[in-house]
PDB file of N, CA and C in Angstrom:
ATOM      1  N   UNK A   1      14.527   9.850 -10.642  1.00  0.00           N
ATOM      2  CA  UNK A   1      14.199   8.529 -10.135  1.00  0.00           C
ATOM      3  C   UNK A   1      14.782   8.332  -8.733  1.00  0.00           C
ATOM      4  N   UNK A   2      15.975   8.892  -8.480  1.00  0.00           N
ATOM      5  CA  UNK A   2      16.615   8.727  -7.176  1.00  0.00           C
ATOM      6  C   UNK A   2      15.756   9.316  -6.057  1.00  0.00           C
ATOM      7  N   UNK A   3      15.207  10.503  -6.275  1.00  0.00           N
ATOM      8  CA  UNK A   3      14.359  11.151  -5.268  1.00  0.00           C
ATOM      9  C   UNK A   3      13.101  10.314  -5.020  1.00  0.00           C
ATOM     10  N   UNK A   4      12.533   9.773  -6.070  1.00  0.00           N
ATOM     11  CA  UNK A   4      11.335   8.935  -5.955  1.00  0.00           C
ATOM     12  C   UNK A   4      11.632   7.687  -5.138  1.00  0.00           C
ATOM     13  N   UNK A   5      12.775   7.064  -5.381  1.00  0.00           N
ATOM     14  CA  UNK A   5      13.164   5.881  -4.615  1.00  0.00           C
ATOM     15  C   UNK A   5      13.355   6.219  -3.143  1.00  0.00           C
ATOM     16  N   UNK A   6      14.012   7.335  -2.869  1.00  0.00           N
ATOM     17  CA  UNK A   6      14.219   7.758  -1.480  1.00  0.00           C
ATOM     18  C   UNK A   6      12.879   7.991  -0.800  1.00  0.00           C
ATOM     19  N   UNK A   7      11.970   8.653  -1.502  1.00  0.00           N
ATOM     20  CA  UNK A   7      10.631   8.897  -0.958  1.00  0.00           C
ATOM     21  C   UNK A   7       9.913   7.584  -0.668  1.00  0.00           C
ATOM     22  N   UNK A   8       9.960   6.647  -1.609  1.00  0.00           N
ATOM     23  CA  UNK A   8       9.255   5.373  -1.446  1.00  0.00           C
ATOM     24  C   UNK A   8       9.828   4.563  -0.286  1.00  0.00           C
ATOM     25  N   UNK A   9      11.142   4.497  -0.173  1.00  0.00           N
ATOM     26  CA  UNK A   9      11.772   3.767   0.925  1.00  0.00           C
ATOM     27  C   UNK A   9      11.430   4.424   2.263  1.00  0.00           C
ATOM     28  N   UNK A  10      11.498   5.740   2.313  1.00  0.00           N
ATOM     29  CA  UNK A  10      11.168   6.466   3.539  1.00  0.00           C
ATOM     30  C   UNK A  10       9.713   6.224   3.937  1.00  0.00           C
ATOM     31  N   UNK A  11       8.795   6.300   2.980  1.00  0.00           N
ATOM     32  CA  UNK A  11       7.380   6.064   3.257  1.00  0.00           C
ATOM     33  C   UNK A  11       7.154   4.634   3.744  1.00  0.00           C
ATOM     34  N   UNK A  12       7.854   3.672   3.148  1.00  0.00           N
ATOM     35  CA  UNK A  12       7.731   2.272   3.570  1.00  0.00           C
ATOM     36  C   UNK A  12       8.173   2.115   5.018  1.00  0.00           C
ATOM     37  N   UNK A  13       9.307   2.706   5.364  1.00  0.00           N
ATOM     38  CA  UNK A  13       9.804   2.610   6.742  1.00  0.00           C
ATOM     39  C   UNK A  13       8.878   3.302   7.732  1.00  0.00           C
ATOM     40  N   UNK A  14       8.374   4.472   7.370  1.00  0.00           N
ATOM     41  CA  UNK A  14       7.434   5.189   8.242  1.00  0.00           C
ATOM     42  C   UNK A  14       6.187   4.342   8.478  1.00  0.00           C
ATOM     43  N   UNK A  15       5.650   3.768   7.412  1.00  0.00           N
ATOM     44  CA  UNK A  15       4.446   2.953   7.557  1.00  0.00           C
ATOM     45  C   UNK A  15       4.720   1.696   8.381  1.00  0.00           C
ATOM     46  N   UNK A  16       5.873   1.083   8.184  1.00  0.00           N
ATOM     47  CA  UNK A  16       6.217  -0.114   8.957  1.00  0.00           C
ATOM     48  C   UNK A  16       6.250   0.204  10.453  1.00  0.00           C
ATOM     49  N   UNK A  17       6.979   1.263  10.811  1.00  0.00           N
ATOM     50  CA  UNK A  17       7.107   1.603  12.225  1.00  0.00           C
ATOM     51  C   UNK A  17       5.800   2.140  12.811  1.00  0.00           C
ATOM     52  N   UNK A  18       4.994   2.785  11.997  1.00  0.00           N
ATOM     53  CA  UNK A  18       3.684   3.246  12.463  1.00  0.00           C
ATOM     54  C   UNK A  18       2.774   2.052  12.754  1.00  0.00           C
ATOM     55  N   UNK A  19       2.764   1.075  11.862  1.00  0.00           N
ATOM     56  CA  UNK A  19       1.975  -0.139  12.103  1.00  0.00           C
ATOM     57  C   UNK A  19       2.483  -0.880  13.341  1.00  0.00           C
ATOM     58  N   UNK A  20       3.781  -1.019  13.463  1.00  0.00           N
ATOM     59  CA  UNK A  20       4.352  -1.697  14.628  1.00  0.00           C
ATOM     60  C   UNK A  20       3.943  -0.984  15.907  1.00  0.00           C
ATOM     61  N   UNK A  21       4.032   0.341  15.913  1.00  0.00           N
ATOM     62  CA  UNK A  21       3.614   1.121  17.085  1.00  0.00           C
ATOM     63  C   UNK A  21       2.147   0.865  17.411  1.00  0.00           C
ATOM     64  N   UNK A  22       1.304   0.902  16.392  1.00  0.00           N
ATOM     65  CA  UNK A  22      -0.124   0.678  16.619  1.00  0.00           C
ATOM     66  C   UNK A  22      -0.407  -0.686  17.213  1.00  0.00           C
ATOM     67  N   UNK A  23       0.230  -1.730  16.696  1.00  0.00           N
ATOM     68  CA  UNK A  23      -0.002  -3.078  17.208  1.00  0.00           C
ATOM     69  C   UNK A  23       0.575  -3.273  18.603  1.00  0.00           C
ATOM     70  N   UNK A  24       1.690  -2.602  18.904  1.00  0.00           N
ATOM     71  CA  UNK A  24       2.315  -2.748  20.222  1.00  0.00           C
ATOM     72  C   UNK A  24       1.595  -1.902  21.276  1.00  0.00           C
ATOM     73  N   UNK A  25       1.305  -0.643  20.955  1.00  0.00           N
ATOM     74  CA  UNK A  25       0.767   0.284  21.947  1.00  0.00           C
ATOM     75  C   UNK A  25      -0.758   0.325  22.010  1.00  0.00           C
ATOM     76  N   UNK A  26      -1.418  -0.125  20.965  1.00  0.00           N
ATOM     77  CA  UNK A  26      -2.872   0.008  20.925  1.00  0.00           C
ATOM     78  C   UNK A  26      -3.604  -1.308  20.979  1.00  0.00           C
ATOM     79  N   UNK A  27      -4.914  -1.201  21.084  1.00  0.00           N
ATOM     80  CA  UNK A  27      -5.803  -2.352  21.047  1.00  0.00           C
ATOM     81  C   UNK A  27      -6.673  -2.200  19.803  1.00  0.00           C
ATOM     82  N   UNK A  28      -6.339  -2.942  18.751  1.00  0.00           N
ATOM     83  CA  UNK A  28      -6.990  -2.782  17.456  1.00  0.00           C
ATOM     84  C   UNK A  28      -8.508  -2.871  17.552  1.00  0.00           C
ATOM     85  N   UNK A  29      -9.026  -3.874  18.235  1.00  0.00           N
ATOM     86  CA  UNK A  29     -10.471  -4.078  18.282  1.00  0.00           C
ATOM     87  C   UNK A  29     -11.176  -3.049  19.155  1.00  0.00           C
ATOM     88  N   UNK A  30     -10.594  -2.738  20.303  1.00  0.00           N
ATOM     89  CA  UNK A  30     -11.219  -1.757  21.205  1.00  0.00           C
ATOM     90  C   UNK A  30     -11.202  -0.366  20.580  1.00  0.00           C
ATOM     91  N   UNK A  31     -10.046   0.074  20.137  1.00  0.00           N
ATOM     92  CA  UNK A  31      -9.925   1.409  19.561  1.00  0.00           C
ATOM     93  C   UNK A  31     -10.614   1.492  18.208  1.00  0.00           C
ATOM     94  N   UNK A  32     -10.550   0.393  17.435  1.00  0.00           N
ATOM     95  CA  UNK A  32     -11.216   0.355  16.139  1.00  0.00           C
ATOM     96  C   UNK A  32     -12.721   0.490  16.267  1.00  0.00           C
ATOM     97  N   UNK A  33     -13.302  -0.161  17.272  1.00  0.00           N
ATOM     98  CA  UNK A  33     -14.754  -0.058  17.446  1.00  0.00           C
ATOM     99  C   UNK A  33     -15.172   1.366  17.804  1.00  0.00           C
ATOM    100  N   UNK A  34     -14.343   2.058  18.556  1.00  0.00           N
ATOM    101  CA  UNK A  34     -14.631   3.466  18.878  1.00  0.00           C
ATOM    102  C   UNK A  34     -14.523   4.317  17.611  1.00  0.00           C
ATOM    103  N   UNK A  35     -13.449   4.098  16.867  1.00  0.00           N
ATOM    104  CA  UNK A  35     -13.235   4.867  15.638  1.00  0.00           C
ATOM    105  C   UNK A  35     -14.372   4.642  14.639  1.00  0.00           C
ATOM    106  N   UNK A  36     -14.777   3.390  14.472  1.00  0.00           N
ATOM    107  CA  UNK A  36     -15.816   3.069  13.492  1.00  0.00           C
ATOM    108  C   UNK A  36     -17.207   3.505  13.933  1.00  0.00           C
ATOM    109  N   UNK A  37     -17.364   3.852  15.201  1.00  0.00           N
ATOM    110  CA  UNK A  37     -18.663   4.342  15.667  1.00  0.00           C
ATOM    111  C   UNK A  37     -18.853   5.826  15.333  1.00  0.00           C
ATOM    112  N   UNK A  38     -17.799   6.494  14.895  1.00  0.00           N
ATOM    113  CA  UNK A  38     -17.856   7.919  14.558  1.00  0.00           C
ATOM    114  C   UNK A  38     -18.012   8.114  13.053  1.00  0.00           C
ATOM    115  N   UNK A  39     -18.709   9.181  12.674  1.00  0.00           N
ATOM    116  CA  UNK A  39     -18.936   9.471  11.254  1.00  0.00           C
ATOM    117  C   UNK A  39     -17.615   9.592  10.497  1.00  0.00           C
ATOM    118  N   UNK A  40     -16.656  10.337  11.057  1.00  0.00           N
ATOM    119  CA  UNK A  40     -15.392  10.525  10.342  1.00  0.00           C
ATOM    120  C   UNK A  40     -14.534   9.269  10.337  1.00  0.00           C
ATOM    121  N   UNK A  41     -14.754   8.381  11.278  1.00  0.00           N
ATOM    122  CA  UNK A  41     -14.087   7.090  11.245  1.00  0.00           C
ATOM    123  C   UNK A  41     -14.570   6.277  10.053  1.00  0.00           C
ATOM    124  N   UNK A  42     -15.887   6.315   9.821  1.00  0.00           N
ATOM    125  CA  UNK A  42     -16.457   5.605   8.666  1.00  0.00           C
ATOM    126  C   UNK A  42     -16.002   6.242   7.359  1.00  0.00           C
ATOM    127  N   UNK A  43     -16.009   7.576   7.316  1.00  0.00           N
ATOM    128  CA  UNK A  43     -15.564   8.285   6.111  1.00  0.00           C
ATOM    129  C   UNK A  43     -14.108   7.937   5.807  1.00  0.00           C
ATOM    130  N   UNK A  44     -13.273   7.935   6.833  1.00  0.00           N
ATOM    131  CA  UNK A  44     -11.847   7.622   6.641  1.00  0.00           C
ATOM    132  C   UNK A  44     -11.653   6.199   6.151  1.00  0.00           C
ATOM    133  N   UNK A  45     -12.432   5.264   6.688  1.00  0.00           N
ATOM    134  CA  UNK A  45     -12.317   3.868   6.262  1.00  0.00           C
ATOM    135  C   UNK A  45     -12.719   3.712   4.792  1.00  0.00           C
ATOM    136  N   UNK A  46     -13.823   4.339   4.412  1.00  0.00           N
ATOM    137  CA  UNK A  46     -14.252   4.277   3.008  1.00  0.00           C
ATOM    138  C   UNK A  46     -13.201   4.916   2.113  1.00  0.00           C
ATOM    139  N   UNK A  47     -12.680   6.063   2.526  1.00  0.00           N
ATOM    140  CA  UNK A  47     -11.654   6.769   1.748  1.00  0.00           C
ATOM    141  C   UNK A  47     -10.424   5.897   1.530  1.00  0.00           C
ATOM    142  N   UNK A  48      -9.939   5.294   2.597  1.00  0.00           N
ATOM    143  CA  UNK A  48      -8.715   4.508   2.487  1.00  0.00           C
ATOM    144  C   UNK A  48      -8.940   3.262   1.630  1.00  0.00           C
ATOM    145  N   UNK A  49     -10.102   2.624   1.744  1.00  0.00           N
ATOM    146  CA  UNK A  49     -10.338   1.427   0.935  1.00  0.00           C
ATOM    147  C   UNK A  49     -10.587   1.753  -0.533  1.00  0.00           C
ATOM    148  N   UNK A  50     -11.162   2.904  -0.830  1.00  0.00           N
ATOM    149  CA  UNK A  50     -11.271   3.325  -2.235  1.00  0.00           C
ATOM    150  C   UNK A  50      -9.863   3.463  -2.816  1.00  0.00           C
ATOM    151  N   UNK A  51      -8.949   4.054  -2.045  1.00  0.00           N
ATOM    152  CA  UNK A  51      -7.558   4.170  -2.479  1.00  0.00           C
ATOM    153  C   UNK A  51      -6.905   2.809  -2.652  1.00  0.00           C
ATOM    154  N   UNK A  52      -7.179   1.881  -1.731  1.00  0.00           N
ATOM    155  CA  UNK A  52      -6.621   0.528  -1.851  1.00  0.00           C
ATOM    156  C   UNK A  52      -7.100  -0.137  -3.137  1.00  0.00           C
ATOM    157  N   UNK A  53      -8.389  -0.012  -3.440  1.00  0.00           N
ATOM    158  CA  UNK A  53      -8.926  -0.632  -4.652  1.00  0.00           C
ATOM    159  C   UNK A  53      -8.327  -0.009  -5.906  1.00  0.00           C
ATOM    160  N   UNK A  54      -8.147   1.302  -5.894  1.00  0.00           N
ATOM    161  CA  UNK A  54      -7.536   1.968  -7.038  1.00  0.00           C
ATOM    162  C   UNK A  54      -6.098   1.498  -7.228  1.00  0.00           C
ATOM    163  N   UNK A  55      -5.336   1.466  -6.147  1.00  0.00           N
ATOM    164  CA  UNK A  55      -3.951   0.995  -6.214  1.00  0.00           C
ATOM    165  C   UNK A  55      -3.906  -0.467  -6.645  1.00  0.00           C
ATOM    166  N   UNK A  56      -4.842  -1.256  -6.138  1.00  0.00           N
ATOM    167  CA  UNK A  56      -4.903  -2.677  -6.487  1.00  0.00           C
ATOM    168  C   UNK A  56      -5.166  -2.883  -7.973  1.00  0.00           C
ATOM    169  N   UNK A  57      -5.955  -2.013  -8.569  1.00  0.00           N
ATOM    170  CA  UNK A  57      -6.205  -2.098 -10.014  1.00  0.00           C
ATOM    171  C   UNK A  57      -4.893  -1.903 -10.780  1.00  0.00           C
ATOM    172  N   UNK A  58      -4.070  -0.980 -10.307  1.00  0.00           N
ATOM    173  CA  UNK A  58      -2.765  -0.754 -10.941  1.00  0.00           C
ATOM    174  C   UNK A  58      -1.882  -1.996 -10.793  1.00  0.00           C
ATOM    175  N   UNK A  59      -1.875  -2.585  -9.597  1.00  0.00           N
ATOM    176  CA  UNK A  59      -1.088  -3.803  -9.357  1.00  0.00           C
ATOM    177  C   UNK A  59      -1.553  -4.916 -10.297  1.00  0.00           C
ATOM    178  N   UNK A  60      -2.851  -5.105 -10.397  1.00  0.00           N
ATOM    179  CA  UNK A  60      -3.415  -6.140 -11.258  1.00  0.00           C
ATOM    180  C   UNK A  60      -3.031  -5.903 -12.720  1.00  0.00           C
ATOM    181  N   UNK A  61      -3.022  -4.656 -13.140  1.00  0.00           N
ATOM    182  CA  UNK A  61      -2.656  -4.313 -14.512  1.00  0.00           C
ATOM    183  C   UNK A  61      -1.178  -4.595 -14.787  1.00  0.00           C
ATOM    184  N   UNK A  62      -0.307  -4.192 -13.872  1.00  0.00           N
ATOM    185  CA  UNK A  62       1.119  -4.243 -14.181  1.00  0.00           C
ATOM    186  C   UNK A  62       1.772  -5.597 -13.913  1.00  0.00           C
ATOM    187  N   UNK A  63       1.143  -6.453 -13.124  1.00  0.00           N
ATOM    188  CA  UNK A  63       1.741  -7.760 -12.831  1.00  0.00           C
ATOM    189  C   UNK A  63       1.443  -8.770 -13.943  1.00  0.00           C
ATOM    190  N   UNK A  64       2.428  -9.588 -14.243  1.00  0.00           N
ATOM    191  CA  UNK A  64       2.283 -10.589 -15.297  1.00  0.00           C
ATOM    192  C   UNK A  64       1.449 -11.783 -14.827  1.00  0.00           C
ATOM    193  N   UNK A  65       1.645 -12.184 -13.590  1.00  0.00           N
ATOM    194  CA  UNK A  65       0.938 -13.358 -13.053  1.00  0.00           C
ATOM    195  C   UNK A  65      -0.181 -12.897 -12.114  1.00  0.00           C
ATOM    196  N   UNK A  66      -1.400 -13.340 -12.402  1.00  0.00           N
ATOM    197  CA  UNK A  66      -2.545 -12.888 -11.619  1.00  0.00           C
ATOM    198  C   UNK A  66      -2.471 -13.365 -10.175  1.00  0.00           C
ATOM    199  N   UNK A  67      -1.866 -14.534  -9.915  1.00  0.00           N
ATOM    200  CA  UNK A  67      -1.763 -15.031  -8.543  1.00  0.00           C
ATOM    201  C   UNK A  67      -0.842 -14.130  -7.707  1.00  0.00           C
ATOM    202  N   UNK A  68       0.226 -13.676  -8.317  1.00  0.00           N
ATOM    203  CA  UNK A  68       1.132 -12.752  -7.635  1.00  0.00           C
ATOM    204  C   UNK A  68       0.400 -11.443  -7.336  1.00  0.00           C
ATOM    205  N   UNK A  69      -0.354 -10.952  -8.310  1.00  0.00           N
ATOM    206  CA  UNK A  69      -1.139  -9.730  -8.112  1.00  0.00           C
ATOM    207  C   UNK A  69      -2.160  -9.917  -6.998  1.00  0.00           C
ATOM    208  N   UNK A  70      -2.814 -11.070  -6.972  1.00  0.00           N
ATOM    209  CA  UNK A  70      -3.816 -11.358  -5.949  1.00  0.00           C
ATOM    210  C   UNK A  70      -3.204 -11.358  -4.553  1.00  0.00           C
ATOM    211  N   UNK A  71      -2.008 -11.930  -4.412  1.00  0.00           N
ATOM    212  CA  UNK A  71      -1.321 -11.930  -3.113  1.00  0.00           C
ATOM    213  C   UNK A  71      -0.982 -10.512  -2.671  1.00  0.00           C
ATOM    214  N   UNK A  72      -0.526  -9.685  -3.617  1.00  0.00           N
ATOM    215  CA  UNK A  72      -0.260  -8.282  -3.292  1.00  0.00           C
ATOM    216  C   UNK A  72      -1.551  -7.582  -2.852  1.00  0.00           C
ATOM    217  N   UNK A  73      -2.633  -7.816  -3.580  1.00  0.00           N
ATOM    218  CA  UNK A  73      -3.909  -7.147  -3.287  1.00  0.00           C
ATOM    219  C   UNK A  73      -4.442  -7.555  -1.917  1.00  0.00           C
ATOM    220  N   UNK A  74      -4.388  -8.837  -1.602  1.00  0.00           N
ATOM    221  CA  UNK A  74      -4.816  -9.298  -0.275  1.00  0.00           C
ATOM    222  C   UNK A  74      -3.968  -8.640   0.807  1.00  0.00           C
ATOM    223  N   UNK A  75      -2.660  -8.560   0.566  1.00  0.00           N
ATOM    224  CA  UNK A  75      -1.759  -7.913   1.532  1.00  0.00           C
ATOM    225  C   UNK A  75      -2.105  -6.438   1.716  1.00  0.00           C
ATOM    226  N   UNK A  76      -2.445  -5.769   0.625  1.00  0.00           N
ATOM    227  CA  UNK A  76      -2.843  -4.353   0.705  1.00  0.00           C
ATOM    228  C   UNK A  76      -4.090  -4.216   1.556  1.00  0.00           C
ATOM    229  N   UNK A  77      -5.074  -5.071   1.351  1.00  0.00           N
ATOM    230  CA  UNK A  77      -6.329  -4.982   2.085  1.00  0.00           C
ATOM    231  C   UNK A  77      -6.139  -5.249   3.578  1.00  0.00           C
ATOM    232  N   UNK A  78      -5.119  -6.033   3.922  1.00  0.00           N
ATOM    233  CA  UNK A  78      -4.873  -6.367   5.334  1.00  0.00           C
ATOM    234  C   UNK A  78      -3.930  -5.365   6.000  1.00  0.00           C
ATOM    235  N   UNK A  79      -2.824  -5.046   5.340  1.00  0.00           N
ATOM    236  CA  UNK A  79      -1.788  -4.213   5.966  1.00  0.00           C
ATOM    237  C   UNK A  79      -1.731  -2.787   5.434  1.00  0.00           C
ATOM    238  N   UNK A  80      -2.593  -2.461   4.484  1.00  0.00           N
ATOM    239  CA  UNK A  80      -2.754  -1.082   4.049  1.00  0.00           C
ATOM    240  C   UNK A  80      -1.589  -0.474   3.307  1.00  0.00           C
ATOM    241  N   UNK A  81      -1.373   0.795   3.599  1.00  0.00           N
ATOM    242  CA  UNK A  81      -0.401   1.572   2.831  1.00  0.00           C
ATOM    243  C   UNK A  81       1.051   1.196   3.103  1.00  0.00           C
ATOM    244  N   UNK A  82       1.309   0.416   4.133  1.00  0.00           N
ATOM    245  CA  UNK A  82       2.655  -0.146   4.268  1.00  0.00           C
ATOM    246  C   UNK A  82       2.950  -0.989   3.029  1.00  0.00           C
ATOM    247  N   UNK A  83       1.980  -1.813   2.617  1.00  0.00           N
ATOM    248  CA  UNK A  83       2.178  -2.691   1.461  1.00  0.00           C
ATOM    249  C   UNK A  83       2.192  -1.882   0.166  1.00  0.00           C
ATOM    250  N   UNK A  84       1.373  -0.837   0.059  1.00  0.00           N
ATOM    251  CA  UNK A  84       1.416  -0.022  -1.161  1.00  0.00           C
ATOM    252  C   UNK A  84       2.785   0.630  -1.305  1.00  0.00           C
ATOM    253  N   UNK A  85       3.334   1.112  -0.209  1.00  0.00           N
ATOM    254  CA  UNK A  85       4.676   1.716  -0.249  1.00  0.00           C
ATOM    255  C   UNK A  85       5.734   0.675  -0.598  1.00  0.00           C
ATOM    256  N   UNK A  86       5.614  -0.502  -0.004  1.00  0.00           N
ATOM    257  CA  UNK A  86       6.562  -1.576  -0.292  1.00  0.00           C
ATOM    258  C   UNK A  86       6.485  -1.987  -1.763  1.00  0.00           C
ATOM    259  N   UNK A  87       5.269  -2.147  -2.283  1.00  0.00           N
ATOM    260  CA  UNK A  87       5.089  -2.526  -3.686  1.00  0.00           C
ATOM    261  C   UNK A  87       5.712  -1.477  -4.608  1.00  0.00           C
ATOM    262  N   UNK A  88       5.417  -0.200  -4.339  1.00  0.00           N
ATOM    263  CA  UNK A  88       5.964   0.875  -5.172  1.00  0.00           C
ATOM    264  C   UNK A  88       7.493   0.900  -5.100  1.00  0.00           C
ATOM    265  N   UNK A  89       8.042   0.683  -3.915  1.00  0.00           N
ATOM    266  CA  UNK A  89       9.503   0.655  -3.755  1.00  0.00           C
ATOM    267  C   UNK A  89      10.115  -0.466  -4.587  1.00  0.00           C
ATOM    268  N   UNK A  90       9.551  -1.649  -4.480  1.00  0.00           N
ATOM    269  CA  UNK A  90      10.062  -2.788  -5.247  1.00  0.00           C
ATOM    270  C   UNK A  90       9.933  -2.519  -6.744  1.00  0.00           C
ATOM    271  N   UNK A  91       8.780  -2.005  -7.160  1.00  0.00           N
ATOM    272  CA  UNK A  91       8.562  -1.699  -8.586  1.00  0.00           C
ATOM    273  C   UNK A  91       9.558  -0.663  -9.090  1.00  0.00           C
ATOM    274  N   UNK A  92       9.868   0.337  -8.262  1.00  0.00           N
ATOM    275  CA  UNK A  92      10.849   1.350  -8.656  1.00  0.00           C
ATOM    276  C   UNK A  92      12.226   0.729  -8.864  1.00  0.00           C
ATOM    277  N   UNK A  93      12.638  -0.121  -7.942  1.00  0.00           N
ATOM    278  CA  UNK A  93      13.957  -0.742  -8.057  1.00  0.00           C
ATOM    279  C   UNK A  93      14.033  -1.732  -9.216  1.00  0.00           C
ATOM    280  N   UNK A  94      12.913  -2.393  -9.528  1.00  0.00           N
ATOM    281  CA  UNK A  94      12.896  -3.338 -10.654  1.00  0.00           C
ATOM    282  C   UNK A  94      12.750  -2.649 -12.005  1.00  0.00           C
ATOM    283  N   UNK A  95      12.419  -1.377 -11.994  1.00  0.00           N
ATOM    284  CA  UNK A  95      12.144  -0.670 -13.252  1.00  0.00           C
ATOM    285  C   UNK A  95      13.400  -0.281 -14.015  1.00  0.00           C
ATOM    286  N   UNK A  96      14.555  -0.436 -13.406  1.00  0.00           N
ATOM    287  CA  UNK A  96      15.795  -0.062 -14.086  1.00  0.00           C
ATOM    288  C   UNK A  96      15.855   1.424 -14.398  1.00  0.00           C
ATOM    289  N   UNK A  97      15.381   2.240 -13.473  1.00  0.00           N
ATOM    290  CA  UNK A  97      15.361   3.707 -13.617  1.00  0.00           C
ATOM    291  C   UNK A  97      14.537   4.178 -14.813  1.00  0.00           C
ATOM    292  N   UNK A  98      13.524   3.419 -15.160  1.00  0.00           N
ATOM    293  CA  UNK A  98      12.653   3.763 -16.277  1.00  0.00           C
ATOM    294  C   UNK A  98      11.223   3.932 -15.749  1.00  0.00           C
ATOM    295  N   UNK A  99      10.744   5.183 -15.734  1.00  0.00           N
ATOM    296  CA  UNK A  99       9.414   5.451 -15.196  1.00  0.00           C
ATOM    297  C   UNK A  99       8.316   4.758 -15.997  1.00  0.00           C
ATOM    298  N   UNK A 100       8.503   4.622 -17.283  1.00  0.00           N
ATOM    299  CA  UNK A 100       7.498   3.953 -18.103  1.00  0.00           C
ATOM    300  C   UNK A 100       7.373   2.484 -17.679  1.00  0.00           C
ATOM    301  N   UNK A 101       8.498   1.818 -17.455  1.00  0.00           N
ATOM    302  CA  UNK A 101       8.486   0.431 -16.980  1.00  0.00           C
ATOM    303  C   UNK A 101       7.869   0.354 -15.580  1.00  0.00           C
ATOM    304  N   UNK A 102       8.152   1.359 -14.740  1.00  0.00           N
ATOM    305  CA  UNK A 102       7.562   1.399 -13.400  1.00  0.00           C
ATOM    306  C   UNK A 102       6.042   1.417 -13.493  1.00  0.00           C
ATOM    307  N   UNK A 103       5.485   2.276 -14.320  1.00  0.00           N
ATOM    308  CA  UNK A 103       4.033   2.422 -14.420  1.00  0.00           C
ATOM    309  C   UNK A 103       3.379   1.270 -15.168  1.00  0.00           C
ATOM    310  N   UNK A 104       4.011   0.764 -16.214  1.00  0.00           N
ATOM    311  CA  UNK A 104       3.371  -0.218 -17.071  1.00  0.00           C
ATOM    312  C   UNK A 104       3.691  -1.674 -16.731  1.00  0.00           C
ATOM    313  N   UNK A 105       4.776  -1.911 -16.006  1.00  0.00           N
ATOM    314  CA  UNK A 105       5.120  -3.271 -15.635  1.00  0.00           C
ATOM    315  C   UNK A 105       5.232  -4.193 -16.820  1.00  0.00           C
ATOM    316  N   UNK A 106       4.449  -5.276 -16.844  1.00  0.00           N
ATOM    317  CA  UNK A 106       4.510  -6.270 -17.915  1.00  0.00           C
ATOM    318  C   UNK A 106       4.142  -5.711 -19.282  1.00  0.00           C
ATOM    319  N   UNK A 107       3.456  -4.592 -19.331  1.00  0.00           N
ATOM    320  CA  UNK A 107       3.007  -4.016 -20.610  1.00  0.00           C
ATOM    321  C   UNK A 107       4.050  -3.118 -21.250  1.00  0.00           C
ATOM    322  N   UNK A 108       5.218  -3.001 -20.633  1.00  0.00           N
ATOM    323  CA  UNK A 108       6.270  -2.136 -21.177  1.00  0.00           C
ATOM    324  C   UNK A 108       6.930  -2.778 -22.361  1.00  0.00           C
TER     325      UNK A 108
END
């Protein structure tokens, strides 16, 4: 569990600083329009959102309150894998070092 927590925290920090870099150094709309005009840009967008929806299904399953799950899901759709890493990190720390509780949440 310790290695998993270290990985999750590290991934969260990497994603945070990567997003910050992108917003500071780049132009989301200008660069995004170029990226989305390319075939692999579209493929990458579809790929990442399929992953977001899959992860969101897990969030919806494991959360006790649907409104809390909905807020997490909206955040995932807006801020991407930074939020997935953050959610997983929080879930790991709340699981009490129990992987079953981590995966099942309220159903444990």
